[in-house]
Amino acid sequence: MQSVVEFDNVGLRYGTGTEALTDISFTLYPGSFYFLTGASGAGKTSLLKLLYLAHRPSRGSIRMFDQDAVTLPRERMPGFRRRIGVVFQDFRLVPHLSTFDNIALPLRIAGIQEKDLQNPVSEMLNWIGLTDREHARPATLSGGEQQRVAIARAVIGRPEILVADEPTGNVDPDMARRLLQLFAALNKLGTTIVVATHDIHLLQEIENAQMMRLDAGRLADPTGSLRHPPKPLVLKS
């Protein structure tokens, strides 16, 4: 099976400090679901930043979509990033845009015509339970509502990879399960999903999910799987 992401002996260092990530090697397959766990400071957010191309590694190689992501020319980066959906821990909604327009943003960037936006955005608003807040600006939304908008924006374009940093951290348990169901539905359509979480109870919510665990910047027990893994996580020796 063709991989969608390959990390080979990757290290990441901020400035002149010690490495935040050390000797990270793994392969992710299309249509697989991974939970990324580890204690605070283990390197989860740093690894996600490499996955959504916010940083380049200090060493090692990263291949995405069968291309070298480390040496990717700057002019090709926007097109590459459009294939990756991101749910940030701090939401990063556009403050002057409404809920509707924040969710519609990836479709507009992709060139979808205005007449074709209403149905998919309305369906997403209904799914996340914010139909009555479609005209609201982010500053008037609660933290949980902003989180739901951020997730809807990340998934509406059906990205090939979805990267989510603590996506259920600001919602109640029922909404957390509902959002995970949305991720699972997207996953069944072929999207590779990586969810960083501290909540180990989420791990049993997704059938066929696998787990990666970081410990002090290193991948630990990377083949540890959950229920019925469709494909084992492949490590490079």
Protein backbone atom coordinates (compact mmCIF):
# COMPACT_ATOMS: atom_id res chain seq x y z
CA MET A 1 0.00 0.00 0.00
CA GLN A 2 1.31 3.45 -0.95
CA SER A 3 2.05 5.59 2.10
CA VAL A 4 0.75 9.13 2.55
CA VAL A 5 3.43 10.26 5.05
CA GLU A 6 6.92 8.95 5.78
CA PHE A 7 9.22 10.29 8.49
CA ASP A 8 12.80 9.00 8.43
CA ASN A 9 15.11 9.78 11.37
CA VAL A 10 13.53 13.21 11.84
CA GLY A 11 14.76 15.67 14.46
CA LEU A 12 13.37 19.09 15.33
CA ARG A 13 15.22 21.77 17.27
CA TYR A 14 14.02 25.27 18.11
CA GLY A 15 16.92 27.71 17.99
CA THR A 16 19.96 26.47 19.86
CA GLY A 17 18.07 24.46 22.48
CA THR A 18 17.87 20.72 22.85
CA GLU A 19 15.87 18.74 20.32
CA ALA A 20 12.12 18.79 20.79
CA LEU A 21 11.87 15.66 18.62
CA THR A 22 14.58 13.04 18.19
CA ASP A 23 14.94 10.19 15.67
CA ILE A 24 11.27 10.06 14.66
CA SER A 25 10.61 7.41 11.99
CA PHE A 26 7.20 6.10 10.94
CA THR A 27 4.89 5.59 7.99
CA LEU A 28 1.22 6.59 7.82
CA TYR A 29 -1.15 4.96 5.36
CA PRO A 30 -4.08 6.51 3.48
CA GLY A 31 -7.41 6.07 5.23
CA SER A 32 -5.90 5.20 8.62
CA PHE A 33 -6.73 6.77 11.98
CA TYR A 34 -4.04 7.50 14.56
CA PHE A 35 -4.22 8.86 18.10
CA LEU A 36 -1.05 10.68 19.17
CA THR A 37 -0.60 10.55 22.94
CA GLY A 38 2.01 11.51 25.50
CA ALA A 39 2.51 13.69 28.55
CA SER A 40 2.58 17.47 28.33
CA GLY A 41 5.89 18.51 26.80
CA ALA A 42 6.40 15.15 25.09
CA GLY A 43 6.45 16.79 21.64
CA LYS A 44 2.93 16.17 20.33
CA THR A 45 2.35 19.71 19.06
CA SER A 46 5.85 19.80 17.53
CA LEU A 47 5.15 16.61 15.62
CA LEU A 48 1.83 17.98 14.39
CA LYS A 49 3.58 21.14 13.17
CA LEU A 50 5.82 18.99 11.00
CA LEU A 51 2.80 17.12 9.69
CA TYR A 52 1.00 20.26 8.57
CA LEU A 53 4.20 21.85 7.27
CA ALA A 54 4.38 24.74 9.73
CA HIS A 55 8.04 23.85 10.34
CA ARG A 56 10.72 22.00 8.46
CA PRO A 57 12.75 19.45 10.41
CA SER A 58 16.25 20.21 11.63
CA ARG A 59 17.38 16.89 10.20
CA GLY A 60 16.00 13.75 8.61
CA SER A 61 13.53 13.41 5.75
CA ILE A 62 9.78 13.76 5.39
CA ARG A 63 7.85 12.55 2.35
CA MET A 64 4.20 13.44 1.84
CA PHE A 65 2.01 12.46 -1.10
CA ASP A 66 5.08 10.70 -2.52
CA GLN A 67 7.10 13.94 -2.64
CA ASP A 68 9.96 15.36 -0.59
CA ALA A 69 8.27 17.79 1.81
CA VAL A 70 11.55 19.12 3.26
CA THR A 71 12.87 20.59 0.01
CA LEU A 72 9.46 21.54 -1.39
CA PRO A 73 9.76 24.95 -3.12
CA ARG A 74 8.02 27.79 -1.30
CA GLU A 75 5.73 28.53 -4.25
CA ARG A 76 4.31 24.99 -4.11
CA MET A 77 3.66 25.08 -0.37
CA PRO A 78 0.13 26.62 -0.48
CA GLY A 79 -1.16 23.93 -2.84
CA PHE A 80 0.40 21.24 -0.67
CA ARG A 81 -1.16 22.66 2.50
CA ARG A 82 -4.62 22.70 0.93
CA ARG A 83 -4.47 18.92 1.00
CA ILE A 84 -4.07 19.01 4.79
CA GLY A 85 -6.83 19.99 7.23
CA VAL A 86 -5.71 21.38 10.60
CA VAL A 87 -7.57 21.83 13.88
CA PHE A 88 -5.45 24.12 16.04
CA GLN A 89 -5.55 24.00 19.82
CA ASP A 90 -6.10 27.78 19.88
CA PHE A 91 -8.73 27.63 17.08
CA ARG A 92 -7.25 30.45 14.88
CA LEU A 93 -10.61 31.55 13.51
CA VAL A 94 -10.62 34.71 11.39
CA PRO A 95 -12.04 37.30 13.83
CA HIS A 96 -13.89 39.51 11.32
CA LEU A 97 -15.62 36.57 9.59
CA SER A 98 -18.90 34.99 10.65
CA THR A 99 -19.24 31.36 11.64
CA PHE A 100 -20.55 30.60 8.14
CA ASP A 101 -17.67 32.40 6.43
CA ASN A 102 -15.00 30.83 8.64
CA ILE A 103 -16.28 27.37 7.73
CA ALA A 104 -16.59 28.28 4.06
CA LEU A 105 -13.05 29.72 3.88
CA PRO A 106 -11.26 26.56 2.63
CA LEU A 107 -13.87 26.08 -0.11
CA ARG A 108 -13.50 29.68 -1.26
CA ILE A 109 -9.71 29.35 -1.32
CA ALA A 110 -10.14 26.21 -3.42
CA GLY A 111 -12.20 28.21 -5.93
CA ILE A 112 -15.66 26.82 -5.16
CA GLN A 113 -18.35 29.14 -6.51
CA GLU A 114 -20.57 30.99 -4.05
CA LYS A 115 -23.72 29.23 -5.28
CA ASP A 116 -22.18 25.89 -4.33
CA LEU A 117 -21.21 26.91 -0.78
CA GLN A 118 -24.60 27.07 0.93
CA ASN A 119 -25.44 23.37 1.07
CA PRO A 120 -22.11 21.98 2.38
CA VAL A 121 -21.67 24.78 4.91
CA SER A 122 -25.26 24.49 6.12
CA GLU A 123 -24.87 20.73 6.53
CA MET A 124 -21.72 21.27 8.56
CA LEU A 125 -23.41 23.90 10.73
CA ASN A 126 -26.22 21.46 11.43
CA TRP A 127 -23.79 18.68 12.28
CA ILE A 128 -21.91 20.76 14.84
CA GLY A 129 -25.15 22.21 16.26
CA LEU A 130 -24.49 25.85 15.37
CA THR A 131 -27.15 26.59 12.75
CA ASP A 132 -28.47 29.42 14.90
CA ARG A 133 -24.99 30.95 15.19
CA GLU A 134 -24.05 31.12 11.50
CA HIS A 135 -23.85 34.93 11.52
CA ALA A 136 -21.96 35.20 14.83
CA ARG A 137 -18.36 36.43 14.99
CA PRO A 138 -15.78 34.31 16.87
CA ALA A 139 -15.54 36.78 19.78
CA THR A 140 -19.21 36.13 20.62
CA LEU A 141 -18.82 32.34 20.65
CA SER A 142 -17.89 30.22 23.65
CA GLY A 143 -14.66 28.23 23.63
CA GLY A 144 -16.54 25.05 22.81
CA GLU A 145 -18.42 26.73 19.95
CA GLN A 146 -15.18 28.10 18.53
CA GLN A 147 -13.69 24.62 18.71
CA ARG A 148 -16.61 23.20 16.72
CA VAL A 149 -16.25 25.90 14.07
CA ALA A 150 -12.51 25.21 13.81
CA ILE A 151 -13.19 21.51 13.30
CA ALA A 152 -15.89 22.17 10.70
CA ARG A 153 -13.51 24.45 8.79
CA ALA A 154 -10.80 21.79 8.83
CA VAL A 155 -12.96 18.95 7.53
CA ILE A 156 -15.32 20.64 5.07
CA GLY A 157 -12.89 20.35 2.17
CA ARG A 158 -12.38 16.61 2.75
CA PRO A 159 -8.59 16.89 3.11
CA GLU A 160 -6.31 13.96 2.39
CA ILE A 161 -4.76 14.36 5.85
CA LEU A 162 -6.46 15.81 8.93
CA VAL A 163 -4.28 16.87 11.86
CA ALA A 164 -6.06 17.81 15.10
CA ASP A 165 -4.47 19.13 18.30
CA GLU A 166 -6.71 18.31 21.31
CA PRO A 167 -9.90 18.76 19.23
CA THR A 168 -12.26 17.75 22.04
CA GLY A 169 -10.61 19.72 24.83
CA ASN A 170 -13.27 22.44 25.02
CA VAL A 171 -16.48 20.50 24.44
CA ASP A 172 -18.67 18.29 26.62
CA PRO A 173 -18.47 14.47 26.38
CA ASP A 174 -21.52 14.16 24.11
CA MET A 175 -20.18 16.71 21.64
CA ALA A 176 -16.73 15.08 21.83
CA ARG A 177 -18.24 11.77 20.70
CA ARG A 178 -20.17 13.54 17.97
CA LEU A 179 -17.05 15.24 16.66
CA LEU A 180 -15.17 11.95 16.71
CA GLN A 181 -18.00 10.43 14.67
CA LEU A 182 -17.44 13.20 12.14
CA PHE A 183 -13.74 12.33 12.04
CA ALA A 184 -14.60 8.65 11.65
CA ALA A 185 -16.95 9.38 8.74
CA LEU A 186 -14.26 11.44 7.03
CA ASN A 187 -11.77 8.66 7.69
CA LYS A 188 -14.04 6.14 5.96
CA LEU A 189 -13.96 8.39 2.88
CA GLY A 190 -10.19 7.93 2.77
CA THR A 191 -8.73 10.75 4.89
CA THR A 192 -5.76 9.89 7.06
CA ILE A 193 -6.37 11.34 10.52
CA VAL A 194 -3.95 12.13 13.35
CA VAL A 195 -5.52 13.31 16.62
CA ALA A 196 -3.31 14.47 19.49
CA THR A 197 -5.05 13.99 22.82
CA HIS A 198 -4.48 13.63 26.55
CA ASP A 199 -7.85 11.90 26.96
CA ILE A 200 -7.16 8.18 26.84
CA HIS A 201 -10.90 7.47 26.99
CA LEU A 202 -11.21 8.72 23.41
CA LEU A 203 -9.00 5.92 22.17
CA GLN A 204 -11.79 3.36 22.35
CA GLU A 205 -14.28 5.54 20.45
CA ILE A 206 -12.85 4.83 16.99
CA GLU A 207 -12.82 1.33 15.59
CA ASN A 208 -9.65 0.45 13.67
CA ALA A 209 -7.69 3.29 15.28
CA GLN A 210 -4.03 2.97 16.09
CA MET A 211 -1.90 4.74 18.67
CA MET A 212 1.42 6.54 18.58
CA ARG A 213 2.92 7.65 21.89
CA LEU A 214 5.63 10.24 22.39
CA ASP A 215 7.90 10.19 25.41
CA ALA A 216 10.32 13.11 25.83
CA GLY A 217 10.45 13.74 22.08
CA ARG A 218 10.87 10.12 21.05
CA LEU A 219 8.34 7.70 19.64
CA ALA A 220 7.54 5.02 22.21
CA ASP A 221 5.53 1.84 21.64
CA PRO A 222 4.71 3.01 18.12
CA THR A 223 3.18 -0.30 17.08
CA GLY A 224 0.73 -0.31 19.99
CA SER A 225 -2.67 -0.63 18.32
CA LEU A 226 -6.22 -0.48 19.50
CA ARG A 227 -9.07 -2.56 18.11
CA HIS A 228 -8.79 -4.40 14.80
CA PRO A 229 -6.03 -2.35 13.15
CA PRO A 230 -6.43 -2.42 9.36
CA LYS A 231 -2.72 -1.92 8.76
CA PRO A 232 0.10 -1.90 11.30
CA LEU A 233 2.13 1.22 11.81
CA VAL A 234 5.36 0.57 9.92
CA LEU A 235 8.61 1.61 11.55
CA LYS A 236 11.89 2.12 9.81
CA SER A 237 14.81 0.35 11.44
